[in-house]
């Protein structure tokens, strides 16, 4: 990675913290961004704090998508950032009004000691609550100072009044003159006396009068009213589970100098009631996506949440993982609940990404997808027990020609479903960029039937076919076909059956392929070398081949 001259100079400047009082006073505002980036890259939390505390711009955006090889910011630097935001509330040099740290979180325990999503969420909520407490302390101190000042003025007036009574008319005239001078200075005028607590009470009363006259919905009115005292809006991705739910709830309901906004909300192992409470407290114009995992929603619980989700006008992503939606059970009133589910999905006007993992909804794909008003761009349906009717509907639905990403992993494919898959690939050939058919039971014969259709997907960038029972001959045919796809940059291929120890069933499942040990007596690298030779013979050096399922990342090719 080649650094620019500005970046190299910024790293040198922030490396010596003892010199910061010298250059901080003279650095132009255009260089603050380069200096802050260098402070994060060089693990200089003190420099991060000093720069953020006096940030000269209205907006500070950190995080976002990291480049290949780029390490997430360290925990100490993030903590210094958050503390500096709170200190900056009382710093006249700070112009910060919006802090955007969406995507700043890293993987817990990763390189450089990054702060994970859960830890960052807790730290953000703590910051919001502490900022509110600090503002209340400052308000009490200001009110106490005003009360003492007012009492001192009253005592002075009383003394002068008593002195005037003793001195007669002359004293009274002097007292009147004193009153006029005091009034001209303004310390006891009505405008001055409402500082501190009184000023805030009056402002709140006036704001209540004004808000009632504003036009708009009740939610918009409440959000405008809550924003009146906000000095800095903090936008982030939040990760909430049972341990952090109460802290997040308090932070979202806190009105103070810092206001927490959410771009993507991820919740794990909390009830429908808790999720509903969070949704009611979130600002409605900032939420783009919600990810619900390991929560026993049930079909009825999801149908209950969907009307709330429709109140977020920018919501474009819905992810449900292991949420106990099982239509295979015969429950009374199930058809009515499914209709409610369909009506709720129909109200998600901006939905473009839908991920449903392990929900066990065989035969219900038409109910879920046909009501969506806009065609999907990302559709993930792993472990969904899709039936032939589901795949037949998907192949001719209004979503297929707009799909950029499709995941059908761990759905069993056979001779009856191959025609639907081929029709689906033909319809999506000009748009589909990422495809996963891992663990679908594709044998040499089934894969051979799909290869022409896969080769026709000329826009495909990544293809995942791990955990399929394919022989070495079938694997070579796959790589030859992949080499002819001009846009393909990444292929996750399955270990051939010849690489496993003896005793594997003739048609092993994906679970058996995952758990069965590889044959250590044979040279595992022989497979990789043979496939690399096939690529070289085809003239392709830009196609990455891997069988490492755990470290495979399709996003690396974007």
Protein backbone atom coordinates (compact mmCIF):
# COMPACT_ATOMS: atom_id res chain seq x y z
CA UNK A 1 0.00 0.00 0.00
CA UNK A 2 1.50 3.32 -1.13
CA UNK A 3 0.86 6.30 1.15
CA UNK A 4 0.53 9.85 -0.13
CA UNK A 5 2.90 12.59 0.98
CA UNK A 6 0.15 14.15 3.12
CA UNK A 7 -0.48 10.79 4.81
CA UNK A 8 3.21 10.24 5.54
CA UNK A 9 3.58 13.75 6.98
CA UNK A 10 0.44 13.31 9.10
CA UNK A 11 1.82 10.07 10.57
CA UNK A 12 5.04 11.85 11.50
CA UNK A 13 3.14 14.74 13.13
CA UNK A 14 0.90 12.57 15.34
CA UNK A 15 3.74 10.25 16.35
CA UNK A 16 5.03 12.75 18.94
CA UNK A 17 2.23 13.65 21.33
CA UNK A 18 4.40 16.08 23.31
CA UNK A 19 4.43 18.45 20.32
CA UNK A 20 0.65 18.53 19.90
CA UNK A 21 0.16 21.85 21.79
CA UNK A 22 2.41 23.45 19.19
CA UNK A 23 0.78 22.29 15.96
CA UNK A 24 -2.85 21.96 17.09
CA UNK A 25 -3.25 25.74 17.28
CA UNK A 26 -2.04 26.29 13.71
CA UNK A 27 -3.19 23.28 11.73
CA UNK A 28 -5.73 24.24 8.99
CA UNK A 29 -9.13 22.58 9.04
CA UNK A 30 -8.44 20.85 5.72
CA UNK A 31 -5.77 18.67 7.37
CA UNK A 32 -7.83 17.45 10.32
CA UNK A 33 -9.09 14.45 8.33
CA UNK A 34 -5.61 13.30 7.31
CA UNK A 35 -4.31 13.76 10.87
CA UNK A 36 -7.21 11.80 12.37
CA UNK A 37 -6.74 8.98 9.87
CA UNK A 38 -3.04 8.87 10.73
CA UNK A 39 -3.83 8.84 14.46
CA UNK A 40 -6.09 5.82 14.03
CA UNK A 41 -3.60 4.02 11.79
CA UNK A 42 -0.69 4.62 14.19
CA UNK A 43 -2.70 3.76 17.35
CA UNK A 44 -2.44 7.25 18.89
CA UNK A 45 -5.52 7.56 21.12
CA UNK A 46 -4.37 10.85 22.70
CA UNK A 47 -4.07 12.46 19.27
CA UNK A 48 -7.49 11.06 18.32
CA UNK A 49 -9.03 12.67 21.40
CA UNK A 50 -7.45 16.08 20.87
CA UNK A 51 -8.45 16.23 17.20
CA UNK A 52 -12.05 15.14 17.76
CA UNK A 53 -12.56 17.45 20.76
CA UNK A 54 -11.93 20.49 18.54
CA UNK A 55 -13.26 19.05 15.27
CA UNK A 56 -13.78 22.03 12.92
CA UNK A 57 -16.41 20.51 10.60
CA UNK A 58 -20.09 19.87 11.23
CA UNK A 59 -19.79 16.23 10.18
CA UNK A 60 -17.29 13.51 11.13
CA UNK A 61 -17.61 10.20 9.29
CA UNK A 62 -15.53 7.18 10.28
CA UNK A 63 -15.84 3.50 9.56
CA UNK A 64 -17.42 2.49 6.29
CA UNK A 65 -16.15 -0.37 4.21
CA UNK A 66 -12.51 -1.18 4.88
CA UNK A 67 -10.03 -1.90 2.13
CA UNK A 68 -8.44 -5.31 1.73
CA UNK A 69 -5.87 -5.81 4.49
CA UNK A 70 -7.00 -2.75 6.43
CA UNK A 71 -7.32 -3.39 10.17
CA UNK A 72 -10.25 -2.08 12.19
CA UNK A 73 -9.49 0.80 14.62
CA UNK A 74 -8.23 -0.24 18.04
CA UNK A 75 -10.40 -0.26 21.12
CA UNK A 76 -8.37 2.49 22.82
CA UNK A 77 -8.71 4.83 19.84
CA UNK A 78 -12.48 4.33 19.71
CA UNK A 79 -12.79 4.96 23.45
CA UNK A 80 -10.73 8.14 23.04
CA UNK A 81 -13.02 9.19 20.19
CA UNK A 82 -16.17 8.79 22.27
CA UNK A 83 -14.72 10.60 25.29
CA UNK A 84 -13.62 13.46 23.07
CA UNK A 85 -17.13 13.83 21.64
CA UNK A 86 -18.49 14.30 25.17
CA UNK A 87 -15.74 16.80 26.07
CA UNK A 88 -16.35 18.65 22.82
CA UNK A 89 -19.90 19.48 23.90
CA UNK A 90 -18.42 22.15 26.19
CA UNK A 91 -15.58 23.17 23.84
CA UNK A 92 -16.29 26.34 21.84
CA UNK A 93 -13.78 25.24 19.18
CA UNK A 94 -15.85 22.17 18.23
CA UNK A 95 -18.32 22.53 15.36
CA UNK A 96 -19.39 18.87 15.37
CA UNK A 97 -23.08 18.20 14.81
CA UNK A 98 -23.10 14.70 13.25
CA UNK A 99 -20.84 11.77 14.16
CA UNK A 100 -21.26 8.87 11.71
CA UNK A 101 -19.43 5.70 12.81
CA UNK A 102 -21.45 3.14 10.84
CA UNK A 103 -19.22 0.18 10.08
CA UNK A 104 -16.54 1.18 12.58
CA UNK A 105 -16.89 -2.04 14.57
CA UNK A 106 -14.49 -4.93 14.01
CA UNK A 107 -14.40 -8.59 15.01
CA UNK A 108 -13.99 -9.26 18.72
CA UNK A 109 -10.51 -10.63 19.37
CA UNK A 110 -9.19 -9.70 15.92
CA UNK A 111 -5.87 -8.14 15.02
CA UNK A 112 -5.15 -4.81 16.69
CA UNK A 113 -7.66 -5.35 19.52
CA UNK A 114 -10.69 -3.93 17.66
CA UNK A 115 -14.00 -3.14 19.31
CA UNK A 116 -16.78 -5.50 18.27
CA UNK A 117 -20.34 -4.54 17.49
CA UNK A 118 -21.72 -5.42 20.92
CA UNK A 119 -18.95 -3.60 22.82
CA UNK A 120 -19.25 -0.53 20.60
CA UNK A 121 -23.02 -0.44 21.13
CA UNK A 122 -22.62 -0.56 24.91
CA UNK A 123 -19.92 2.14 24.79
CA UNK A 124 -22.12 4.40 22.65
CA UNK A 125 -25.10 4.02 24.95
CA UNK A 126 -22.92 4.71 27.99
CA UNK A 127 -21.63 7.86 26.28
CA UNK A 128 -25.17 9.11 25.59
CA UNK A 129 -26.27 8.49 29.19
CA UNK A 130 -23.15 10.10 30.64
CA UNK A 131 -23.53 13.15 28.39
CA UNK A 132 -27.07 13.59 29.70
CA UNK A 133 -25.88 13.28 33.30
CA UNK A 134 -23.09 15.77 32.65
CA UNK A 135 -25.54 18.24 31.12
CA UNK A 136 -27.79 17.89 34.17
CA UNK A 137 -24.86 18.53 36.52
CA UNK A 138 -23.85 21.59 34.54
CA UNK A 139 -27.46 22.75 34.58
CA UNK A 140 -27.67 22.35 38.36
CA UNK A 141 -24.38 24.21 38.86
CA UNK A 142 -25.54 27.02 36.59
CA UNK A 143 -28.83 27.23 38.42
CA UNK A 144 -27.05 27.28 41.76
CA UNK A 145 -24.78 30.09 40.59
CA UNK A 146 -27.77 32.09 39.39
CA UNK A 147 -29.58 31.57 42.68
CA UNK A 148 -26.54 32.71 44.65
CA UNK A 149 -26.10 35.69 42.37
CA UNK A 150 -29.76 36.63 42.68
CA UNK A 151 -29.62 36.25 46.50
CA UNK A 152 -26.53 38.47 46.66
CA UNK A 153 -28.28 41.14 44.58
CA UNK A 154 -31.34 40.95 46.80
CA UNK A 155 -29.19 41.34 49.93
CA UNK A 156 -27.45 44.36 48.42
CA UNK A 157 -30.79 45.96 47.61
CA UNK A 158 -32.09 45.29 51.10
CA UNK A 159 -29.01 46.88 52.66
CA UNK A 160 -29.32 49.91 50.41
CA UNK A 161 -33.01 50.18 51.18
CA UNK A 162 -32.33 50.13 54.93
CA UNK A 163 -29.52 52.65 54.53
CA UNK A 164 -31.87 54.86 52.50
CA UNK A 165 -34.53 54.76 55.20
CA UNK A 166 -31.96 55.93 57.75
CA UNK A 167 -30.59 58.64 55.53
CA UNK A 168 -34.01 60.01 54.60
CA UNK A 169 -34.90 61.51 51.32
CA UNK A 170 -31.29 61.75 50.13
CA UNK A 171 -30.81 58.09 50.72
CA UNK A 172 -33.98 57.26 48.85
CA UNK A 173 -32.83 59.31 45.89
CA UNK A 174 -29.49 57.54 45.99
CA UNK A 175 -31.34 54.25 46.16
CA UNK A 176 -33.41 55.13 43.10
CA UNK A 177 -30.25 56.11 41.28
CA UNK A 178 -28.68 52.81 42.25
CA UNK A 179 -31.70 50.93 40.96
CA UNK A 180 -31.49 52.73 37.64
CA UNK A 181 -27.78 51.94 37.31
CA UNK A 182 -28.35 48.34 38.26
CA UNK A 183 -31.17 48.03 35.73
CA UNK A 184 -28.97 49.60 33.02
CA UNK A 185 -26.31 46.93 33.65
CA UNK A 186 -28.93 44.23 33.36
CA UNK A 187 -28.08 41.72 36.14
CA UNK A 188 -31.56 41.80 37.65
CA UNK A 189 -33.57 42.29 34.47
CA UNK A 190 -36.21 39.73 33.61
CA UNK A 191 -34.17 38.42 30.70
CA UNK A 192 -31.18 37.70 32.91
CA UNK A 193 -33.12 36.14 35.76
CA UNK A 194 -34.42 33.30 33.62
CA UNK A 195 -30.95 31.92 32.98
CA UNK A 196 -30.15 28.39 34.10
CA UNK A 197 -33.15 26.43 35.31
CA UNK A 198 -35.65 29.22 34.69
CA UNK A 199 -34.43 29.75 31.13
CA UNK A 200 -34.84 26.08 30.33
CA UNK A 201 -38.28 25.89 31.90
CA UNK A 202 -39.42 28.86 29.83
CA UNK A 203 -37.92 27.45 26.63
CA UNK A 204 -39.59 24.09 27.22
CA UNK A 205 -42.93 25.80 27.79
CA UNK A 206 -42.61 27.84 24.60
CA UNK A 207 -41.48 24.82 22.63
CA UNK A 208 -44.53 22.92 23.78
CA UNK A 209 -46.73 25.72 22.43
CA UNK A 210 -44.91 25.84 19.09
CA UNK A 211 -44.89 22.08 18.55
CA UNK A 212 -48.65 21.84 18.83
CA UNK A 213 -48.94 24.14 15.85
CA UNK A 214 -46.54 22.19 13.63
CA UNK A 215 -47.90 20.23 10.71
CA UNK A 216 -46.94 16.61 10.10
CA UNK A 217 -47.43 13.22 11.63
CA UNK A 218 -47.29 12.51 15.33
CA UNK A 219 -43.97 10.64 14.95
CA UNK A 220 -42.37 13.54 13.06
CA UNK A 221 -43.60 15.99 15.68
CA UNK A 222 -42.18 13.91 18.53
CA UNK A 223 -38.83 13.54 16.78
CA UNK A 224 -38.61 17.29 16.08
CA UNK A 225 -39.43 18.03 19.70
CA UNK A 226 -36.80 15.57 20.93
CA UNK A 227 -34.16 17.10 18.65
CA UNK A 228 -34.54 20.62 20.06
CA UNK A 229 -31.88 20.08 22.76
CA UNK A 230 -29.59 17.85 20.68
CA UNK A 231 -26.11 19.20 19.99
CA UNK A 232 -24.61 16.15 18.26
CA UNK A 233 -26.37 13.32 16.42
CA UNK A 234 -24.52 9.98 16.64
CA UNK A 235 -25.26 7.52 13.81
CA UNK A 236 -24.10 3.92 14.21
CA UNK A 237 -24.88 0.25 13.65
CA UNK A 238 -26.29 -1.25 16.86
CA UNK A 239 -25.96 -4.82 18.13
CA UNK A 240 -28.43 -5.65 20.90
CA UNK A 241 -28.88 -8.85 22.88
CA UNK A 242 -30.37 -9.77 26.25
CA UNK A 243 -27.35 -8.40 28.16
CA UNK A 244 -27.32 -4.98 26.49
CA UNK A 245 -31.02 -4.46 25.82
CA UNK A 246 -31.74 -2.39 28.95
CA UNK A 247 -28.74 -0.11 28.36
CA UNK A 248 -29.79 0.49 24.75
CA UNK A 249 -33.39 1.14 25.75
CA UNK A 250 -32.34 3.78 28.29
CA UNK A 251 -29.99 5.46 25.81
CA UNK A 252 -32.63 5.62 23.07
CA UNK A 253 -35.17 7.12 25.46
CA UNK A 254 -32.70 9.69 26.84
CA UNK A 255 -33.18 13.27 25.69
CA UNK A 256 -29.97 15.23 26.00
CA UNK A 257 -27.08 16.76 24.09
CA UNK A 258 -26.32 13.49 22.27
CA UNK A 259 -28.95 11.70 20.16
CA UNK A 260 -28.38 8.10 19.09
CA UNK A 261 -29.44 7.10 15.58
CA UNK A 262 -29.29 3.62 14.05
CA UNK A 263 -28.47 2.62 10.48
CA UNK A 264 -28.52 -1.20 10.83
CA UNK A 265 -30.01 -2.90 13.89
CA UNK A 266 -28.95 -6.42 14.82
CA UNK A 267 -30.77 -8.15 17.66
CA UNK A 268 -30.13 -11.59 19.12
CA UNK A 269 -32.02 -13.74 21.60
CA UNK A 270 -34.57 -11.17 22.71
CA UNK A 271 -38.34 -11.39 22.69
CA UNK A 272 -40.87 -9.86 20.33
CA UNK A 273 -41.88 -7.40 23.06
CA UNK A 274 -38.31 -6.14 23.48
CA UNK A 275 -37.84 -5.82 19.72
CA UNK A 276 -41.08 -3.87 19.47
CA UNK A 277 -39.91 -1.53 22.25
CA UNK A 278 -36.64 -0.84 20.41
CA UNK A 279 -38.41 -0.15 17.13
CA UNK A 280 -40.75 2.31 18.82
CA UNK A 281 -37.79 4.25 20.23
CA UNK A 282 -35.61 4.37 17.12
CA UNK A 283 -35.62 7.49 14.89
CA UNK A 284 -37.73 6.52 11.90
CA UNK A 285 -35.81 8.17 9.07
CA UNK A 286 -32.37 6.63 9.63
CA UNK A 287 -32.95 2.86 9.90
CA UNK A 288 -31.92 1.05 6.70
CA UNK A 289 -31.94 -2.56 7.85
CA UNK A 290 -32.77 -4.97 10.67
CA UNK A 291 -31.18 -8.34 11.40
CA UNK A 292 -33.02 -10.63 13.86
CA UNK A 293 -31.20 -13.78 15.01
CA UNK A 294 -31.90 -16.66 17.38
CA UNK A 295 -35.17 -15.18 18.61
CA UNK A 296 -38.31 -17.27 18.91
CA UNK A 297 -40.50 -15.00 16.82
CA UNK A 298 -42.75 -17.55 15.23
CA UNK A 299 -44.89 -16.62 12.24
CA UNK A 300 -47.32 -14.69 14.49
CA UNK A 301 -44.49 -12.69 16.07
CA UNK A 302 -43.10 -11.71 12.69
CA UNK A 303 -46.56 -10.70 11.50
CA UNK A 304 -46.81 -8.52 14.61
CA UNK A 305 -43.50 -6.76 13.87
CA UNK A 306 -44.04 -6.09 10.18
CA UNK A 307 -46.52 -3.18 10.68
CA UNK A 308 -43.89 -1.49 12.86
CA UNK A 309 -41.21 -2.04 10.21
CA UNK A 310 -43.40 -0.35 7.61
CA UNK A 311 -43.12 2.92 9.58
CA UNK A 312 -39.44 3.17 8.62
CA UNK A 313 -39.55 4.74 5.15
CA UNK A 314 -35.90 3.97 4.25
CA UNK A 315 -35.86 0.31 5.37
CA UNK A 316 -34.36 -1.76 2.54
CA UNK A 317 -32.95 -4.84 4.28
CA UNK A 318 -34.63 -7.54 6.41
CA UNK A 319 -32.68 -10.52 7.72
CA UNK A 320 -34.19 -13.34 9.80
CA UNK A 321 -31.89 -16.10 11.04
CA UNK A 322 -33.09 -19.08 13.09
CA UNK A 323 -36.25 -17.35 14.28
CA UNK A 324 -38.39 -20.47 14.73
CA UNK A 325 -40.72 -19.93 11.78
CA UNK A 326 -41.91 -23.47 11.10
CA UNK A 327 -44.87 -23.85 8.74
CA UNK A 328 -44.57 -27.63 8.69
CA UNK A 329 -46.40 -27.87 12.00
CA UNK A 330 -50.16 -28.06 11.80
CA UNK A 331 -51.33 -25.11 13.84
CA UNK A 332 -54.86 -23.75 13.90
CA UNK A 333 -55.21 -20.36 12.23
CA UNK A 334 -51.96 -20.79 10.31
CA UNK A 335 -53.43 -19.67 6.97
CA UNK A 336 -54.73 -16.43 8.49
CA UNK A 337 -51.33 -15.70 10.01
CA UNK A 338 -49.68 -16.28 6.63
CA UNK A 339 -52.06 -13.80 5.05
CA UNK A 340 -51.15 -11.27 7.75
CA UNK A 341 -47.50 -11.96 6.98
CA UNK A 342 -48.06 -11.34 3.29
CA UNK A 343 -49.92 -8.08 3.94
CA UNK A 344 -47.14 -6.92 6.26
CA UNK A 345 -44.44 -7.59 3.67
CA UNK A 346 -46.47 -5.72 1.05
CA UNK A 347 -46.09 -2.53 3.12
CA UNK A 348 -42.27 -2.61 2.98
CA UNK A 349 -42.07 -0.28 0.01
CA UNK A 350 -38.27 0.06 -0.18
CA UNK A 351 -37.23 -3.52 0.65
CA UNK A 352 -34.41 -4.69 -1.65
CA UNK A 353 -32.61 -7.29 0.49
CA UNK A 354 -34.29 -10.29 2.11
CA UNK A 355 -32.46 -13.03 4.01
CA UNK A 356 -34.33 -15.98 5.53
CA UNK A 357 -32.17 -18.66 7.16
CA UNK A 358 -33.45 -21.96 8.54
CA UNK A 359 -37.08 -20.89 8.80
CA UNK A 360 -38.60 -24.12 7.44
CA UNK A 361 -41.18 -22.64 5.10
CA UNK A 362 -41.64 -25.32 2.40
CA UNK A 363 -44.20 -24.41 -0.25
CA UNK A 364 -44.68 -20.84 1.08
CA UNK A 365 -42.18 -18.88 -1.00
CA UNK A 366 -44.90 -17.48 -3.24
CA UNK A 367 -46.77 -16.17 -0.20
CA UNK A 368 -43.65 -14.40 1.06
CA UNK A 369 -42.27 -12.93 -2.16
CA UNK A 370 -45.28 -12.24 -4.38
CA UNK A 371 -46.57 -9.45 -2.13
CA UNK A 372 -43.33 -7.44 -2.15
CA UNK A 373 -43.94 -4.25 -4.16
CA UNK A 374 -40.38 -3.91 -5.49
CA UNK A 375 -38.11 -6.56 -7.06
CA UNK A 376 -35.38 -7.80 -4.72
CA UNK A 377 -31.68 -7.36 -5.43
CA UNK A 378 -30.39 -9.68 -2.68
CA UNK A 379 -32.20 -12.92 -1.79
CA UNK A 380 -30.71 -15.40 0.69
CA UNK A 381 -32.68 -18.59 1.39
CA UNK A 382 -30.27 -21.09 3.02
CA UNK A 383 -31.65 -24.01 5.01
CA UNK A 384 -35.19 -23.09 3.98
CA UNK A 385 -36.38 -26.57 2.91
CA UNK A 386 -37.49 -25.21 -0.46
CA UNK A 387 -39.88 -27.43 -2.39
CA UNK A 388 -39.93 -27.92 -6.18
CA UNK A 389 -42.95 -25.58 -6.29
CA UNK A 390 -40.93 -22.89 -4.49
CA UNK A 391 -38.07 -23.10 -6.99
CA UNK A 392 -40.50 -23.15 -9.91
CA UNK A 393 -42.13 -19.94 -8.63
CA UNK A 394 -38.77 -18.28 -7.99
CA UNK A 395 -37.56 -19.01 -11.53
CA UNK A 396 -40.42 -17.00 -13.04
CA UNK A 397 -41.05 -14.39 -10.33
CA UNK A 398 -40.68 -10.64 -10.83
CA UNK A 399 -37.54 -10.70 -8.65
CA UNK A 400 -35.34 -13.01 -10.70
CA UNK A 401 -34.26 -10.57 -13.43
CA UNK A 402 -33.13 -7.99 -10.83
CA UNK A 403 -31.16 -10.30 -8.53
CA UNK A 404 -27.56 -9.34 -7.83
CA UNK A 405 -27.01 -11.95 -5.12
CA UNK A 406 -28.70 -15.32 -4.60
CA UNK A 407 -28.00 -17.90 -1.89
CA UNK A 408 -29.76 -21.28 -2.10
CA UNK A 409 -27.29 -23.16 0.10
CA UNK A 410 -28.41 -26.33 1.90
CA UNK A 411 -31.58 -26.72 -0.17
CA UNK A 412 -31.68 -30.16 -1.74
CA UNK A 413 -31.60 -30.15 -5.55
CA UNK A 414 -32.40 -33.15 -7.75
CA UNK A 415 -33.54 -34.00 -11.26
CA UNK A 416 -36.99 -32.50 -10.67
CA UNK A 417 -35.63 -29.10 -9.61
CA UNK A 418 -32.77 -28.74 -12.12
CA UNK A 419 -35.06 -27.34 -14.88
CA UNK A 420 -36.25 -24.61 -12.49
CA UNK A 421 -32.66 -23.74 -11.53
CA UNK A 422 -31.63 -23.59 -15.19
CA UNK A 423 -34.56 -21.31 -16.00
CA UNK A 424 -33.70 -19.14 -12.99
CA UNK A 425 -30.05 -18.81 -14.09
CA UNK A 426 -31.12 -17.91 -17.62
CA UNK A 427 -33.46 -15.17 -16.40
CA UNK A 428 -30.82 -13.77 -14.03
CA UNK A 429 -27.82 -14.18 -16.36
CA UNK A 430 -27.35 -10.47 -17.05
CA UNK A 431 -27.61 -9.25 -13.43
CA UNK A 432 -26.52 -12.02 -11.05
CA UNK A 433 -23.09 -11.31 -9.49
CA UNK A 434 -22.92 -13.67 -6.49
CA UNK A 435 -24.33 -17.20 -6.38
CA UNK A 436 -24.11 -19.87 -3.68
CA UNK A 437 -25.22 -23.45 -4.21
CA UNK A 438 -23.17 -24.98 -1.40
CA UNK A 439 -24.48 -28.13 0.24
CA UNK A 440 -27.22 -28.69 -2.35
CA UNK A 441 -26.37 -32.35 -3.08
CA UNK A 442 -24.99 -31.66 -6.56
CA UNK A 443 -23.40 -34.80 -7.99
CA UNK A 444 -21.30 -34.97 -11.15
CA UNK A 445 -24.42 -35.63 -13.19
CA UNK A 446 -26.46 -32.77 -11.72
CA UNK A 447 -23.53 -30.37 -11.92
CA UNK A 448 -22.98 -31.34 -15.55
CA UNK A 449 -26.61 -30.38 -16.30
CA UNK A 450 -26.12 -26.97 -14.64
CA UNK A 451 -22.71 -26.07 -16.11
CA UNK A 452 -24.06 -24.59 -19.38
CA UNK A 453 -26.49 -22.38 -17.45
CA UNK A 454 -23.80 -21.34 -14.97
CA UNK A 455 -21.48 -20.46 -17.84
CA UNK A 456 -24.18 -18.22 -19.29
CA UNK A 457 -24.16 -15.98 -16.21
CA UNK A 458 -21.61 -13.61 -17.71
CA UNK A 459 -21.93 -11.02 -14.88
CA UNK A 460 -21.13 -13.56 -12.12
CA UNK A 461 -18.21 -12.49 -9.89
CA UNK A 462 -18.26 -15.20 -7.20
CA UNK A 463 -19.56 -18.77 -7.19
CA UNK A 464 -19.74 -21.03 -4.11
CA UNK A 465 -20.24 -24.79 -4.56
CA UNK A 466 -18.70 -26.20 -1.36
CA UNK A 467 -19.91 -29.40 0.34
CA UNK A 468 -21.27 -31.02 -2.82
CA UNK A 469 -20.42 -34.71 -3.60
CA UNK A 470 -18.32 -34.10 -6.74
CA UNK A 471 -15.46 -36.23 -8.04
CA UNK A 472 -12.15 -34.94 -9.33
CA UNK A 473 -13.33 -35.29 -12.93
CA UNK A 474 -16.43 -33.20 -12.23
CA UNK A 475 -14.32 -30.64 -10.44
CA UNK A 476 -12.00 -30.26 -13.43
CA UNK A 477 -15.01 -29.69 -15.70
CA UNK A 478 -16.24 -27.03 -13.26
CA UNK A 479 -12.92 -25.14 -13.27
CA UNK A 480 -12.72 -25.27 -17.08
CA UNK A 481 -16.18 -23.75 -17.30
CA UNK A 482 -15.28 -21.11 -14.66
CA UNK A 483 -12.19 -20.12 -16.64
CA UNK A 484 -14.44 -19.16 -19.57
CA UNK A 485 -16.55 -16.78 -17.44
CA UNK A 486 -14.97 -13.33 -17.97
CA UNK A 487 -16.21 -11.62 -14.78
CA UNK A 488 -15.72 -14.52 -12.36
CA UNK A 489 -13.05 -13.69 -9.78
CA UNK A 490 -13.66 -16.21 -6.99
CA UNK A 491 -14.65 -19.88 -6.97
CA UNK A 492 -15.28 -21.84 -3.78
CA UNK A 493 -15.04 -25.44 -4.94
CA UNK A 494 -15.83 -28.65 -2.97
CA UNK A 495 -13.17 -31.11 -1.91
CA UNK A 496 -13.38 -34.00 -4.39
CA UNK A 497 -14.60 -37.33 -3.07
CA UNK A 498 -11.17 -38.84 -3.72
CA UNK A 499 -9.66 -36.62 -0.99
CA UNK A 500 -11.76 -38.13 1.82
CA UNK A 501 -10.89 -41.16 3.92
CA UNK A 502 -12.53 -44.46 2.90
CA UNK A 503 -15.98 -45.26 4.21
CA UNK A 504 -17.85 -42.21 2.96
CA UNK A 505 -21.40 -43.08 1.73
CA UNK A 506 -22.06 -43.09 -2.01
CA UNK A 507 -24.25 -39.98 -1.79
CA UNK A 508 -23.03 -38.17 1.33
CA UNK A 509 -24.91 -35.21 2.79
CA UNK A 510 -23.30 -31.83 3.33
CA UNK A 511 -23.04 -32.57 7.06
CA UNK A 512 -21.15 -35.80 6.36
CA UNK A 513 -18.81 -34.01 3.95
CA UNK A 514 -18.16 -31.34 6.56
CA UNK A 515 -17.43 -33.78 9.39
CA UNK A 516 -15.73 -36.61 7.48
CA UNK A 517 -11.93 -36.42 7.76
CA UNK A 518 -9.77 -35.92 4.70
CA UNK A 519 -7.31 -38.62 3.74
CA UNK A 520 -3.98 -37.52 5.22
CA UNK A 521 -2.08 -40.26 3.42
CA UNK A 522 -2.73 -38.58 0.06
CA UNK A 523 -1.26 -35.25 -1.03
CA UNK A 524 -4.06 -32.72 -0.55
CA UNK A 525 -2.12 -30.08 -2.45
CA UNK A 526 -2.27 -32.29 -5.53
CA UNK A 527 -5.89 -31.21 -6.11
CA UNK A 528 -5.01 -27.53 -5.83
CA UNK A 529 -2.03 -27.94 -8.18
CA UNK A 530 -4.08 -29.75 -10.77
CA UNK A 531 -6.82 -27.12 -10.74
CA UNK A 532 -4.25 -24.32 -10.94
CA UNK A 533 -2.74 -26.00 -14.01
CA UNK A 534 -6.20 -26.06 -15.61
CA UNK A 535 -6.45 -22.30 -15.02
CA UNK A 536 -3.00 -21.64 -16.42
CA UNK A 537 -3.78 -23.66 -19.54
CA UNK A 538 -6.92 -21.51 -19.96
CA UNK A 539 -4.93 -18.28 -19.65
CA UNK A 540 -6.63 -17.10 -16.45
CA UNK A 541 -4.52 -15.63 -13.66
CA UNK A 542 -7.18 -13.40 -12.08
CA UNK A 543 -9.50 -16.20 -10.88
CA UNK A 544 -9.02 -17.16 -7.22
CA UNK A 545 -9.72 -20.82 -6.39
CA UNK A 546 -10.29 -21.95 -2.80
CA UNK A 547 -11.85 -24.80 -0.85
CA UNK A 548 -11.57 -22.95 2.48
CA UNK A 549 -15.22 -22.59 3.45
CA UNK A 550 -14.57 -20.82 6.76
CA UNK A 551 -12.46 -17.99 5.30
CA UNK A 552 -14.38 -17.54 2.07
CA UNK A 553 -15.64 -13.98 1.60
CA UNK A 554 -17.53 -13.08 -1.55
CA UNK A 555 -17.30 -9.37 -0.73
CA UNK A 556 -13.57 -9.37 -1.47
CA UNK A 557 -14.27 -9.25 -5.20
CA UNK A 558 -16.40 -6.06 -5.02
